[in-house]
Amino acid sequence: MKVAQNRALPADRLAEIALVGTRLARLRIARHMTQADAAVRAGLSRNTAYRIEKGDAGLAIGQVLRYLEAIAPGKSLLALLQEDDPAVAALEASERRQRTRRLTREEQDKLDF
C-alpha cells in the first residue's frame, strides 16, 4: 500500500521539509544554475529536483544531500539552513526593493489617475 508521505507527518515537520527545499532553490538560483543542470550533476531526474525544492516528504535524505552537493560542493545541510552563503546574500541584496521616484506629470497623465 502506498503511503502519502505528506499526510503522514505533522505540520511542523512538513514546514521544515519545505524550508529545506526553499533554501536549496534559493541557493541554486543564487549560483546561477538551472534546476535541470543541478539534477544532472546530482544524478537525479529534473522531476525529483522539482520535488526536492517543493518540499516533498516522500524523498530519501540521500537524494536531498546529493542535490545539495551538486549545487554547492562541500556545503553541509546545517550550513544550508543557516543560509550563510555569499551568493544567497548577493541574491537577497539584488531582490531588495530599490528607492522609487515620483512619477512625472506626463507619466501620471498616461496612467490616468
C-alpha atoms as a PDB file:
ATOM      1  CA  MET A   1       0.000   0.000   0.000  1.00  0.00           C
ATOM      2  CA  LYS A   2       1.329   3.409  -0.991  1.00  0.00           C
ATOM      3  CA  VAL A   3       1.501   5.964   1.817  1.00  0.00           C
ATOM      4  CA  ALA A   4       1.073   9.687   1.156  1.00  0.00           C
ATOM      5  CA  GLN A   5       4.175  10.915   2.974  1.00  0.00           C
ATOM      6  CA  ASN A   6       2.964  14.496   3.220  1.00  0.00           C
ATOM      7  CA  ARG A   7      -0.115  13.305   5.142  1.00  0.00           C
ATOM      8  CA  ALA A   8       1.870  11.051   7.457  1.00  0.00           C
ATOM      9  CA  LEU A   9       3.887  13.886   9.000  1.00  0.00           C
ATOM     10  CA  PRO A  10       2.858  16.633  11.408  1.00  0.00           C
ATOM     11  CA  ALA A  11       2.534  20.138  10.000  1.00  0.00           C
ATOM     12  CA  ASP A  12       5.697  21.414  11.711  1.00  0.00           C
ATOM     13  CA  ARG A  13       7.802  18.673  10.091  1.00  0.00           C
ATOM     14  CA  LEU A  14       6.296  19.442   6.696  1.00  0.00           C
ATOM     15  CA  ALA A  15       7.232  23.086   7.231  1.00  0.00           C
ATOM     16  CA  GLU A  16      10.829  22.050   7.947  1.00  0.00           C
ATOM     17  CA  ILE A  17      10.992  19.991   4.763  1.00  0.00           C
ATOM     18  CA  ALA A  18       9.542  22.902   2.787  1.00  0.00           C
ATOM     19  CA  LEU A  19      12.179  25.204   4.319  1.00  0.00           C
ATOM     20  CA  VAL A  20      14.988  22.895   3.184  1.00  0.00           C
ATOM     21  CA  GLY A  21      13.510  22.854  -0.326  1.00  0.00           C
ATOM     22  CA  THR A  22      13.152  26.620  -0.426  1.00  0.00           C
ATOM     23  CA  ARG A  23      16.717  27.145   0.761  1.00  0.00           C
ATOM     24  CA  LEU A  24      18.017  24.691  -1.859  1.00  0.00           C
ATOM     25  CA  ALA A  25      16.093  26.503  -4.594  1.00  0.00           C
ATOM     26  CA  ARG A  26      17.411  29.923  -3.474  1.00  0.00           C
ATOM     27  CA  LEU A  27      20.967  28.605  -3.323  1.00  0.00           C
ATOM     28  CA  ARG A  28      20.640  27.113  -6.800  1.00  0.00           C
ATOM     29  CA  ILE A  29      19.265  30.362  -8.205  1.00  0.00           C
ATOM     30  CA  ALA A  30      21.931  32.406  -6.407  1.00  0.00           C
ATOM     31  CA  ARG A  31      24.593  30.271  -8.045  1.00  0.00           C
ATOM     32  CA  HIS A  32      23.006  30.773 -11.485  1.00  0.00           C
ATOM     33  CA  MET A  33      22.251  27.108 -12.010  1.00  0.00           C
ATOM     34  CA  THR A  34      19.164  25.703 -13.698  1.00  0.00           C
ATOM     35  CA  GLN A  35      17.145  23.026 -11.986  1.00  0.00           C
ATOM     36  CA  ALA A  36      17.891  20.644 -14.855  1.00  0.00           C
ATOM     37  CA  ASP A  37      21.664  21.239 -14.593  1.00  0.00           C
ATOM     38  CA  ALA A  38      21.633  20.680 -10.828  1.00  0.00           C
ATOM     39  CA  ALA A  39      19.596  17.497 -11.276  1.00  0.00           C
ATOM     40  CA  VAL A  40      22.019  16.100 -13.866  1.00  0.00           C
ATOM     41  CA  ARG A  41      25.003  16.873 -11.646  1.00  0.00           C
ATOM     42  CA  ALA A  42      23.271  15.089  -8.752  1.00  0.00           C
ATOM     43  CA  GLY A  43      22.299  12.091 -10.865  1.00  0.00           C
ATOM     44  CA  LEU A  44      18.599  12.807 -10.370  1.00  0.00           C
ATOM     45  CA  SER A  45      15.719  13.487 -12.714  1.00  0.00           C
ATOM     46  CA  ARG A  46      14.515  17.061 -13.095  1.00  0.00           C
ATOM     47  CA  ASN A  47      11.203  15.954 -11.622  1.00  0.00           C
ATOM     48  CA  THR A  48      12.980  14.754  -8.482  1.00  0.00           C
ATOM     49  CA  ALA A  49      14.810  18.092  -8.250  1.00  0.00           C
ATOM     50  CA  TYR A  50      11.450  19.841  -8.537  1.00  0.00           C
ATOM     51  CA  ARG A  51      10.018  17.650  -5.764  1.00  0.00           C
ATOM     52  CA  ILE A  52      13.031  18.363  -3.528  1.00  0.00           C
ATOM     53  CA  GLU A  53      12.616  22.099  -3.969  1.00  0.00           C
ATOM     54  CA  LYS A  54       8.875  21.863  -3.285  1.00  0.00           C
ATOM     55  CA  GLY A  55       9.478  20.014  -0.009  1.00  0.00           C
ATOM     56  CA  ASP A  56       8.116  16.584  -0.920  1.00  0.00           C
ATOM     57  CA  ALA A  57       8.392  14.389   2.185  1.00  0.00           C
ATOM     58  CA  GLY A  58       8.473  11.181   0.152  1.00  0.00           C
ATOM     59  CA  LEU A  59      12.082  11.601  -0.979  1.00  0.00           C
ATOM     60  CA  ALA A  60      15.133   9.999   0.572  1.00  0.00           C
ATOM     61  CA  ILE A  61      17.510  12.205   2.537  1.00  0.00           C
ATOM     62  CA  GLY A  62      20.317  10.900   0.328  1.00  0.00           C
ATOM     63  CA  GLN A  63      18.670  12.469  -2.716  1.00  0.00           C
ATOM     64  CA  VAL A  64      18.425  15.800  -0.919  1.00  0.00           C
ATOM     65  CA  LEU A  65      22.083  15.625   0.108  1.00  0.00           C
ATOM     66  CA  ARG A  66      23.181  14.679  -3.434  1.00  0.00           C
ATOM     67  CA  TYR A  67      21.229  17.656  -4.773  1.00  0.00           C
ATOM     68  CA  LEU A  68      22.902  19.951  -2.225  1.00  0.00           C
ATOM     69  CA  GLU A  69      26.324  18.571  -3.180  1.00  0.00           C
ATOM     70  CA  ALA A  70      25.598  19.211  -6.867  1.00  0.00           C
ATOM     71  CA  ILE A  71      24.694  22.840  -6.181  1.00  0.00           C
ATOM     72  CA  ALA A  72      27.311  23.641  -3.548  1.00  0.00           C
ATOM     73  CA  PRO A  73      30.067  21.032  -3.235  1.00  0.00           C
ATOM     74  CA  GLY A  74      31.245  20.605   0.342  1.00  0.00           C
ATOM     75  CA  LYS A  75      28.366  22.574   1.881  1.00  0.00           C
ATOM     76  CA  SER A  76      26.655  20.884   4.802  1.00  0.00           C
ATOM     77  CA  LEU A  77      22.930  20.707   5.436  1.00  0.00           C
ATOM     78  CA  LEU A  78      23.478  22.768   8.582  1.00  0.00           C
ATOM     79  CA  ALA A  79      25.234  25.497   6.576  1.00  0.00           C
ATOM     80  CA  LEU A  80      22.346  25.457   4.090  1.00  0.00           C
ATOM     81  CA  LEU A  81      19.855  26.020   6.897  1.00  0.00           C
ATOM     82  CA  GLN A  82      21.965  28.842   8.343  1.00  0.00           C
ATOM     83  CA  GLU A  83      21.855  30.472   4.883  1.00  0.00           C
ATOM     84  CA  ASP A  84      25.329  31.956   5.208  1.00  0.00           C
ATOM     85  CA  ASP A  85      26.338  31.544   1.569  1.00  0.00           C
ATOM     86  CA  PRO A  86      27.674  34.756  -0.042  1.00  0.00           C
ATOM     87  CA  ALA A  87      25.783  34.007  -3.263  1.00  0.00           C
ATOM     88  CA  VAL A  88      22.480  33.949  -1.371  1.00  0.00           C
ATOM     89  CA  ALA A  89      23.375  37.223   0.349  1.00  0.00           C
ATOM     90  CA  ALA A  90      24.039  38.788  -3.048  1.00  0.00           C
ATOM     91  CA  LEU A  91      20.718  37.468  -4.353  1.00  0.00           C
ATOM     92  CA  GLU A  92      18.880  38.959  -1.377  1.00  0.00           C
ATOM     93  CA  ALA A  93      20.595  42.298  -1.898  1.00  0.00           C
ATOM     94  CA  SER A  94      19.504  42.363  -5.534  1.00  0.00           C
ATOM     95  CA  GLU A  95      15.938  41.478  -4.562  1.00  0.00           C
ATOM     96  CA  ARG A  96      15.581  44.318  -2.081  1.00  0.00           C
ATOM     97  CA  ARG A  97      13.305  46.993  -3.299  1.00  0.00           C
ATOM     98  CA  GLN A  98      15.100  49.989  -4.653  1.00  0.00           C
ATOM     99  CA  ARG A  99      14.036  53.508  -3.827  1.00  0.00           C
ATOM    100  CA  THR A 100      11.276  54.679  -6.055  1.00  0.00           C
ATOM    101  CA  ARG A 101      10.895  58.064  -7.594  1.00  0.00           C
ATOM    102  CA  ARG A 102       7.761  60.070  -8.065  1.00  0.00           C
ATOM    103  CA  LEU A 103       6.044  59.861 -11.419  1.00  0.00           C
ATOM    104  CA  THR A 104       6.397  62.825 -13.704  1.00  0.00           C
ATOM    105  CA  ARG A 105       3.242  64.692 -14.640  1.00  0.00           C
ATOM    106  CA  GLU A 106       3.398  63.074 -18.089  1.00  0.00           C
ATOM    107  CA  GLU A 107       3.651  59.586 -16.588  1.00  0.00           C
ATOM    108  CA  GLN A 108       0.718  60.339 -14.276  1.00  0.00           C
ATOM    109  CA  ASP A 109      -1.353  61.515 -17.226  1.00  0.00           C
ATOM    110  CA  LYS A 110      -0.552  58.297 -19.102  1.00  0.00           C
ATOM    111  CA  LEU A 111      -1.780  56.250 -16.154  1.00  0.00           C
ATOM    112  CA  ASP A 112      -4.904  58.430 -15.950  1.00  0.00           C
ATOM    113  CA  PHE A 113      -5.094  58.801 -12.190  1.00  0.00           C
END
